[in-house]
Amino acid sequence: MKKNRILYLIVICAVGFLSGMGRPSFAQEPAARPEDSVIAQGRELFNSKEGLGVKYACISCHKGDKVIKKSMVAKLGDKLPSSINKYITGKAKGEKALEADSAEMEALMAYIRYEHAK
């Protein structure tokens, strides 16, 4: 009887492991790197005032030892667009927030995630 329970437990664990149940639920496939042109557009937006309609460009504050950290980008996760918009409409004194699904937001996020963040 005890041997059957142990065998049953081993089989359940093996099936779970082979089916992917052994992975933590937060595990995700890494996102594909965006095209270089999208990252370049994000770099341009990050480094200038005109494209975002802000008084202060992102680079005004986020340079040198104040570069956005990869750990912060990872921590923000899906909240990165709202954090960007908070900066745009707050500290950068922008006229309006970006739409979360806009090309500009996609470009800014790509630049921050794949090139700017250290």
Protein backbone atom coordinates (compact mmCIF):
# COMPACT_ATOMS: atom_id res chain seq x y z
CA MET A 1 0.00 0.00 0.00
CA LYS A 2 2.77 2.46 0.98
CA LYS A 3 4.76 1.52 -2.16
CA ASN A 4 1.70 2.26 -4.30
CA ARG A 5 1.35 5.75 -2.80
CA ILE A 6 5.01 6.54 -3.42
CA LEU A 7 4.82 5.23 -6.98
CA TYR A 8 1.63 7.24 -7.54
CA LEU A 9 3.32 10.39 -6.22
CA ILE A 10 6.35 9.84 -8.49
CA VAL A 11 4.10 9.38 -11.53
CA ILE A 12 2.11 12.55 -10.71
CA CYS A 13 5.30 14.58 -10.28
CA ALA A 14 6.77 13.24 -13.52
CA VAL A 15 3.62 14.01 -15.49
CA GLY A 16 3.44 17.49 -13.97
CA PHE A 17 7.09 18.18 -14.75
CA LEU A 18 6.83 16.92 -18.33
CA SER A 19 3.66 18.92 -18.98
CA GLY A 20 5.22 22.16 -17.72
CA MET A 21 3.41 22.25 -14.40
CA GLY A 22 6.80 22.26 -12.69
CA ARG A 23 7.47 25.79 -13.92
CA PRO A 24 6.43 28.72 -11.79
CA SER A 25 3.24 30.38 -13.03
CA PHE A 26 5.05 33.69 -13.57
CA ALA A 27 7.50 32.17 -16.07
CA GLN A 28 7.08 33.74 -19.49
CA GLU A 29 8.79 33.37 -22.79
CA PRO A 30 11.13 36.30 -23.39
CA ALA A 31 9.64 38.85 -25.74
CA ALA A 32 11.16 39.07 -29.19
CA ARG A 33 13.48 42.03 -29.65
CA PRO A 34 11.75 44.77 -31.66
CA GLU A 35 13.16 45.92 -34.97
CA ASP A 36 16.11 48.30 -34.81
CA SER A 37 14.00 51.03 -36.44
CA VAL A 38 11.51 50.91 -33.54
CA ILE A 39 14.33 51.16 -30.99
CA ALA A 40 15.86 54.05 -32.97
CA GLN A 41 12.50 55.86 -32.93
CA GLY A 42 12.34 55.35 -29.17
CA ARG A 43 15.88 56.71 -28.77
CA GLU A 44 14.90 59.81 -30.74
CA LEU A 45 11.79 60.34 -28.60
CA PHE A 46 13.75 59.78 -25.37
CA ASN A 47 16.42 62.30 -26.36
CA SER A 48 14.24 65.13 -27.66
CA LYS A 49 11.39 67.32 -26.46
CA GLU A 50 9.58 67.76 -29.74
CA GLY A 51 8.30 64.23 -30.43
CA LEU A 52 6.56 63.91 -27.09
CA GLY A 53 5.41 67.50 -26.65
CA VAL A 54 7.27 67.89 -23.36
CA LYS A 55 9.20 70.75 -21.80
CA TYR A 56 12.03 68.44 -20.65
CA ALA A 57 13.33 65.45 -22.61
CA CYS A 58 13.67 62.14 -20.77
CA ILE A 59 17.45 62.26 -21.20
CA SER A 60 17.55 65.50 -19.21
CA CYS A 61 17.21 63.43 -16.03
CA HIS A 62 17.92 59.84 -17.06
CA LYS A 63 21.63 59.89 -17.89
CA GLY A 64 24.86 58.88 -16.22
CA ASP A 65 24.18 57.32 -12.85
CA LYS A 66 20.46 58.08 -13.25
CA VAL A 67 19.98 55.73 -16.20
CA ILE A 68 16.82 53.67 -15.79
CA LYS A 69 17.77 50.35 -14.23
CA LYS A 70 16.79 47.03 -15.84
CA SER A 71 15.57 45.84 -12.46
CA MET A 72 13.11 48.75 -12.32
CA VAL A 73 11.87 48.03 -15.85
CA ALA A 74 11.36 44.37 -14.91
CA LYS A 75 9.60 45.36 -11.67
CA LEU A 76 7.23 47.67 -13.55
CA GLY A 77 6.38 44.98 -16.11
CA ASP A 78 3.00 45.81 -17.66
CA LYS A 79 2.90 49.08 -15.72
CA LEU A 80 5.77 50.57 -17.75
CA PRO A 81 3.43 52.55 -20.05
CA SER A 82 1.65 54.19 -17.11
CA SER A 83 5.01 55.00 -15.51
CA ILE A 84 6.20 56.60 -18.76
CA ASN A 85 2.97 58.62 -18.97
CA LYS A 86 3.32 59.70 -15.35
CA TYR A 87 6.77 61.10 -16.18
CA ILE A 88 5.55 62.71 -19.43
CA THR A 89 2.63 64.54 -17.83
CA GLY A 90 4.40 65.22 -14.53
CA LYS A 91 8.12 65.95 -14.40
CA ALA A 92 8.52 66.49 -18.14
CA LYS A 93 5.54 68.87 -18.14
CA GLY A 94 4.01 67.29 -21.22
CA GLU A 95 0.77 68.36 -22.79
CA LYS A 96 -0.82 64.91 -22.82
CA ALA A 97 -0.13 61.26 -22.10
CA LEU A 98 0.57 58.76 -24.86
CA GLU A 99 -1.95 56.09 -25.76
CA ALA A 100 -0.74 52.79 -24.29
CA ASP A 101 -0.93 51.08 -27.69
CA SER A 102 0.53 53.94 -29.76
CA ALA A 103 3.62 53.60 -31.94
CA GLU A 104 5.37 56.22 -29.80
CA MET A 105 4.75 54.25 -26.59
CA GLU A 106 5.90 51.03 -28.26
CA ALA A 107 9.08 52.77 -29.43
CA LEU A 108 9.83 54.34 -26.03
CA MET A 109 9.32 51.03 -24.26
CA ALA A 110 11.52 49.22 -26.79
CA TYR A 111 14.33 51.75 -26.38
CA ILE A 112 14.13 51.70 -22.58
CA ARG A 113 13.99 47.89 -22.36
CA TYR A 114 16.57 46.95 -24.98
CA GLU A 115 19.06 49.80 -25.13
CA HIS A 116 18.80 52.44 -22.42
CA ALA A 117 18.29 50.37 -19.26
CA LYS A 118 21.47 49.19 -17.53
